[in-house]
C-alpha atoms as a PDB file:
ATOM      1  CA  MET A   1      43.330  -4.880   3.530  1.00  0.00           C
ATOM      2  CA  ARG A   2      41.979  -8.392   3.588  1.00  0.00           C
ATOM      3  CA  ARG A   3      40.226  -7.108   6.850  1.00  0.00           C
ATOM      4  CA  ARG A   4      38.695  -3.939   5.386  1.00  0.00           C
ATOM      5  CA  LYS A   5      37.438  -6.229   2.274  1.00  0.00           C
ATOM      6  CA  LEU A   6      35.492  -8.685   4.819  1.00  0.00           C
ATOM      7  CA  TYR A   7      34.179  -5.484   7.153  1.00  0.00           C
ATOM      8  CA  SER A   8      32.968  -4.273   3.570  1.00  0.00           C
ATOM      9  CA  LEU A   9      31.618  -6.975   2.232  1.00  0.00           C
ATOM     10  CA  ILE A  10      29.530  -7.534   5.857  1.00  0.00           C
ATOM     11  CA  ILE A  11      28.454  -4.013   5.561  1.00  0.00           C
ATOM     12  CA  ILE A  12      26.872  -4.537   2.045  1.00  0.00           C
ATOM     13  CA  LEU A  13      25.188  -8.142   3.282  1.00  0.00           C
ATOM     14  CA  MET A  14      23.848  -6.065   5.783  1.00  0.00           C
ATOM     15  CA  ILE A  15      22.439  -3.427   3.761  1.00  0.00           C
ATOM     16  CA  SER A  16      20.755  -5.669   1.369  1.00  0.00           C
ATOM     17  CA  PHE A  17      19.058  -7.950   3.619  1.00  0.00           C
ATOM     18  CA  LEU A  18      17.601  -5.131   5.782  1.00  0.00           C
ATOM     19  CA  SER A  19      16.755  -3.443   2.254  1.00  0.00           C
ATOM     20  CA  PHE A  20      15.436  -6.783   1.193  1.00  0.00           C
ATOM     21  CA  GLY A  21      13.437  -7.426   4.301  1.00  0.00           C
ATOM     22  CA  GLN A  22      11.350  -3.986   3.899  1.00  0.00           C
ATOM     23  CA  THR A  23       8.957  -6.009   1.352  1.00  0.00           C
ATOM     24  CA  ASP A  24       8.284  -9.305   3.716  1.00  0.00           C
ATOM     25  CA  LYS A  25       6.061  -7.086   6.560  1.00  0.00           C
ATOM     26  CA  SER A  26       4.475  -4.111   6.960  1.00  0.00           C
ATOM     27  CA  GLU A  27       3.467  -2.224  10.370  1.00  0.00           C
ATOM     28  CA  LEU A  28       0.130  -1.664  11.257  1.00  0.00           C
ATOM     29  CA  ILE A  29      -1.126   2.157  11.142  1.00  0.00           C
ATOM     30  CA  THR A  30      -4.573   4.126  11.387  1.00  0.00           C
ATOM     31  CA  PHE A  31      -5.033   7.274  10.136  1.00  0.00           C
ATOM     32  CA  LYS A  32      -5.331  10.621  11.828  1.00  0.00           C
ATOM     33  CA  ASP A  33      -7.436  12.372   9.804  1.00  0.00           C
ATOM     34  CA  GLU A  34     -11.173  11.652   9.889  1.00  0.00           C
ATOM     35  CA  GLY A  35     -12.521  13.175   6.655  1.00  0.00           C
ATOM     36  CA  PHE A  36      -9.933  10.995   5.086  1.00  0.00           C
ATOM     37  CA  ILE A  37     -10.854   7.953   6.889  1.00  0.00           C
ATOM     38  CA  LYS A  38     -14.786   8.980   5.931  1.00  0.00           C
ATOM     39  CA  SER A  39     -13.447   9.271   1.953  1.00  0.00           C
ATOM     40  CA  LEU A  40     -11.888   5.820   2.193  1.00  0.00           C
ATOM     41  CA  GLN A  41     -14.760   4.252   3.815  1.00  0.00           C
ATOM     42  CA  ASN A  42     -17.172   5.282   1.291  1.00  0.00           C
ATOM     43  CA  ILE A  43     -14.998   4.046  -1.587  1.00  0.00           C
ATOM     44  CA  ILE A  44     -13.890   0.810   0.480  1.00  0.00           C
ATOM     45  CA  LYS A  45     -16.270  -1.531   0.469  1.00  0.00           C
ATOM     46  CA  PRO A  46     -17.728  -5.128  -0.708  1.00  0.00           C
ATOM     47  CA  LYS A  47     -19.959  -4.029  -3.572  1.00  0.00           C
ATOM     48  CA  ASN A  48     -16.347  -2.111  -5.193  1.00  0.00           C
ATOM     49  CA  ASN A  49     -14.594  -5.226  -4.768  1.00  0.00           C
ATOM     50  CA  CYS A  50     -14.660  -7.589  -8.420  1.00  0.00           C
ATOM     51  CA  GLU A  51     -12.858  -9.797  -6.847  1.00  0.00           C
ATOM     52  CA  ILE A  52     -13.964 -10.216  -3.028  1.00  0.00           C
ATOM     53  CA  SER A  53     -13.795 -13.810  -2.879  1.00  0.00           C
ATOM     54  CA  SER A  54     -10.133 -13.712  -4.043  1.00  0.00           C
ATOM     55  CA  ASN A  55      -7.602 -13.644  -1.250  1.00  0.00           C
ATOM     56  CA  ASN A  56      -4.740 -12.480  -3.853  1.00  0.00           C
ATOM     57  CA  HIS A  57      -6.414  -9.050  -4.304  1.00  0.00           C
ATOM     58  CA  ASN A  58      -6.379  -6.450  -1.699  1.00  0.00           C
ATOM     59  CA  TRP A  59      -7.457  -2.915  -1.691  1.00  0.00           C
ATOM     60  CA  TYR A  60      -4.255  -0.125  -1.253  1.00  0.00           C
ATOM     61  CA  ILE A  61      -4.018   3.506  -1.083  1.00  0.00           C
ATOM     62  CA  GLU A  62      -1.311   5.437  -2.851  1.00  0.00           C
ATOM     63  CA  ARG A  63       0.163   8.507  -1.892  1.00  0.00           C
ATOM     64  CA  LYS A  64       0.935  10.312  -5.271  1.00  0.00           C
ATOM     65  CA  SER A  65       1.754  13.853  -3.508  1.00  0.00           C
ATOM     66  CA  ASN A  66       1.243  15.874  -0.528  1.00  0.00           C
ATOM     67  CA  ASP A  67      -2.914  15.590  -0.746  1.00  0.00           C
ATOM     68  CA  SER A  68      -3.120  12.932  -3.716  1.00  0.00           C
ATOM     69  CA  PHE A  69      -3.834   9.437  -3.160  1.00  0.00           C
ATOM     70  CA  ILE A  70      -4.983   6.757  -5.573  1.00  0.00           C
ATOM     71  CA  VAL A  71      -7.073   4.146  -4.170  1.00  0.00           C
ATOM     72  CA  SER A  72      -7.779   0.665  -6.187  1.00  0.00           C
ATOM     73  CA  ILE A  73      -7.436  -3.065  -6.014  1.00  0.00           C
ATOM     74  CA  SER A  74      -4.483  -5.182  -6.900  1.00  0.00           C
ATOM     75  CA  ARG A  75      -2.547  -8.044  -6.417  1.00  0.00           C
ATOM     76  CA  VAL A  76      -0.450  -7.965  -3.126  1.00  0.00           C
ATOM     77  CA  SER A  77       2.522  -9.334  -4.475  1.00  0.00           C
ATOM     78  CA  ASN A  78       2.451  -7.109  -7.499  1.00  0.00           C
ATOM     79  CA  LEU A  79       2.159  -4.342  -4.753  1.00  0.00           C
ATOM     80  CA  LEU A  80       5.658  -5.730  -3.028  1.00  0.00           C
ATOM     81  CA  GLN A  81       7.275  -6.278  -6.778  1.00  0.00           C
ATOM     82  CA  ASP A  82       6.979  -2.370  -7.301  1.00  0.00           C
ATOM     83  CA  LEU A  83       7.815  -1.269  -4.204  1.00  0.00           C
ATOM     84  CA  GLU A  84      11.653   0.916  -5.222  1.00  0.00           C
ATOM     85  CA  LYS A  85      12.230   3.475  -2.640  1.00  0.00           C
ATOM     86  CA  LYS A  86       8.517   3.069  -0.962  1.00  0.00           C
ATOM     87  CA  ASN A  87       7.195   1.472   1.800  1.00  0.00           C
ATOM     88  CA  ILE A  88       4.444  -0.242   2.780  1.00  0.00           C
ATOM     89  CA  TYR A  89       1.720  -0.337   5.717  1.00  0.00           C
ATOM     90  CA  THR A  90      -1.232  -2.207   6.585  1.00  0.00           C
ATOM     91  CA  THR A  91      -4.620  -0.806   7.875  1.00  0.00           C
ATOM     92  CA  ILE A  92      -8.359  -1.660   8.446  1.00  0.00           C
ATOM     93  CA  ILE A  93     -11.124  -0.071   6.873  1.00  0.00           C
ATOM     94  CA  ASN A  94     -14.805  -1.316   6.884  1.00  0.00           C
ATOM     95  CA  ASN A  95     -13.175  -4.940   7.763  1.00  0.00           C
ATOM     96  CA  GLN A  96     -10.832  -4.865   4.723  1.00  0.00           C
ATOM     97  CA  VAL A  97      -7.254  -5.435   5.062  1.00  0.00           C
ATOM     98  CA  VAL A  98      -5.793  -2.440   2.822  1.00  0.00           C
ATOM     99  CA  PHE A  99      -2.234  -1.531   2.147  1.00  0.00           C
ATOM    100  CA  TYR A 100      -1.093   2.469   2.125  1.00  0.00           C
ATOM    101  CA  ILE A 101       2.311   2.886  -0.224  1.00  0.00           C
ATOM    102  CA  THR A 102       3.845   5.963  -0.057  1.00  0.00           C
ATOM    103  CA  GLN A 103       7.573   7.492  -0.522  1.00  0.00           C
ATOM    104  CA  ASN A 104       8.112   8.864   2.888  1.00  0.00           C
ATOM    105  CA  GLU A 105       6.713   8.727   6.387  1.00  0.00           C
ATOM    106  CA  ASN A 106       4.367  11.869   7.374  1.00  0.00           C
ATOM    107  CA  HIS A 107       2.118  12.658   9.938  1.00  0.00           C
ATOM    108  CA  ILE A 108      -1.402  11.554   8.214  1.00  0.00           C
ATOM    109  CA  PHE A 109      -0.862   8.204  10.052  1.00  0.00           C
ATOM    110  CA  LEU A 110       0.175   6.871  12.988  1.00  0.00           C
ATOM    111  CA  LYS A 111       2.614   3.610  13.423  1.00  0.00           C
ATOM    112  CA  MET A 112       0.498   0.787  15.998  1.00  0.00           C
ATOM    113  CA  LYS A 113       3.781  -1.114  16.566  1.00  0.00           C
ATOM    114  CA  TYR A 114       2.238  -4.650  15.114  1.00  0.00           C
ATOM    115  CA  PHE A 115       3.783  -6.291  11.703  1.00  0.00           C
ATOM    116  CA  ILE A 116       2.268  -7.934   9.380  1.00  0.00           C
ATOM    117  CA  ASP A 117       4.111 -10.890   7.263  1.00  0.00           C
ATOM    118  CA  LEU A 118       4.432 -10.782   3.796  1.00  0.00           C
ATOM    119  CA  SER A 119       6.577 -13.076   2.669  1.00  0.00           C
ATOM    120  CA  LYS A 120       4.782 -15.774   1.245  1.00  0.00           C
ATOM    121  CA  TYR A 121       3.361 -13.019  -1.326  1.00  0.00           C
ATOM    122  CA  ALA A 122       7.333 -11.491  -2.113  1.00  0.00           C
ATOM    123  CA  ASP A 123       8.481 -14.393  -4.138  1.00  0.00           C
ATOM    124  CA  TYR A 124       4.920 -14.017  -6.594  1.00  0.00           C
ATOM    125  CA  GLU A 125       4.543 -12.032  -9.879  1.00  0.00           C
ATOM    126  CA  TYR A 126       1.678 -12.096 -12.208  1.00  0.00           C
ATOM    127  CA  VAL A 127       1.878 -10.433 -15.166  1.00  0.00           C
ATOM    128  CA  LEU A 128      -1.853 -10.152 -15.788  1.00  0.00           C
ATOM    129  CA  PHE A 129      -3.709  -7.261 -17.381  1.00  0.00           C
ATOM    130  CA  GLU A 130      -6.633  -6.797 -14.872  1.00  0.00           C
ATOM    131  CA  ASP A 131      -8.681  -3.807 -14.766  1.00  0.00           C
ATOM    132  CA  PHE A 132      -9.577  -2.281 -11.369  1.00  0.00           C
ATOM    133  CA  SER A 133     -11.916   0.721 -10.908  1.00  0.00           C
ATOM    134  CA  SER A 134     -10.041   3.399  -9.117  1.00  0.00           C
ATOM    135  CA  TRP A 135     -10.194   6.764  -7.467  1.00  0.00           C
ATOM    136  CA  LEU A 136      -8.271  10.306  -6.651  1.00  0.00           C
ATOM    137  CA  ILE A 137      -8.778  11.803  -3.074  1.00  0.00           C
ATOM    138  CA  THR A 138      -7.175  14.936  -3.198  1.00  0.00           C
ATOM    139  CA  LYS A 139      -8.184  18.257  -0.948  1.00  0.00           C
ATOM    140  CA  ASP A 140     -10.058  20.706  -2.460  1.00  0.00           C
ATOM    141  CA  GLU A 141     -10.132  24.591  -1.650  1.00  0.00           C
ATOM    142  CA  LYS A 142     -11.553  23.992   2.146  1.00  0.00           C
ATOM    143  CA  ASN A 143      -8.788  21.613   2.834  1.00  0.00           C
ATOM    144  CA  ASP A 144     -10.775  18.728   2.329  1.00  0.00           C
ATOM    145  CA  PHE A 145     -10.375  15.317   1.343  1.00  0.00           C
ATOM    146  CA  ILE A 146     -12.871  14.780  -1.819  1.00  0.00           C
ATOM    147  CA  VAL A 147     -13.122  12.012  -4.717  1.00  0.00           C
ATOM    148  CA  LYS A 148     -11.925  14.197  -7.311  1.00  0.00           C
ATOM    149  CA  ASP A 149     -11.846  11.456 -10.227  1.00  0.00           C
ATOM    150  CA  LYS A 150     -12.925   8.111 -10.666  1.00  0.00           C
ATOM    151  CA  ARG A 151     -12.854   5.238 -12.831  1.00  0.00           C
ATOM    152  CA  ILE A 152     -14.877   2.427 -12.414  1.00  0.00           C
ATOM    153  CA  PHE A 153     -15.447  -0.762 -14.234  1.00  0.00           C
ATOM    154  CA  LYS A 154     -17.983  -3.519 -13.684  1.00  0.00           C
ATOM    155  CA  CYS A 155     -17.830  -6.747 -12.499  1.00  0.00           C
ATOM    156  CA  ASN A 156     -18.037  -9.825 -14.701  1.00  0.00           C
ATOM    157  CA  HIS A 157     -20.013 -12.082 -12.442  1.00  0.00           C
END
């Protein structure tokens, strides 16, 4: 009986360790769809990032449904805090580090088998009210990716 409890404890600790480990690294990916990449390249530009000189803010793409994606900017540590049942990946678009957040693995990207260490951001959480511009990318009736909606904030500098 005692041995069974010990095995149960070890299994629980291993599962906890593995699930905790999900937020301290991010696998490098590349997107497959050229139309999607072009849409992202039109958005992810230095002129659209008011926090361009900050090392704490990064672009991110969050998959909302099969054909719907939010593109915006946030603090890396806050992205890591909100990952319950989600995965975070990393890509490069227009020489910018971009995080891709999705609930499941899908056919839209290829994994590169290289990982980015995010452990220095894992224990930080910022509670700030920051407004960042955001874009909604969806597919149209021709199955092309388009920017369906956007919310743009002017930079204060």
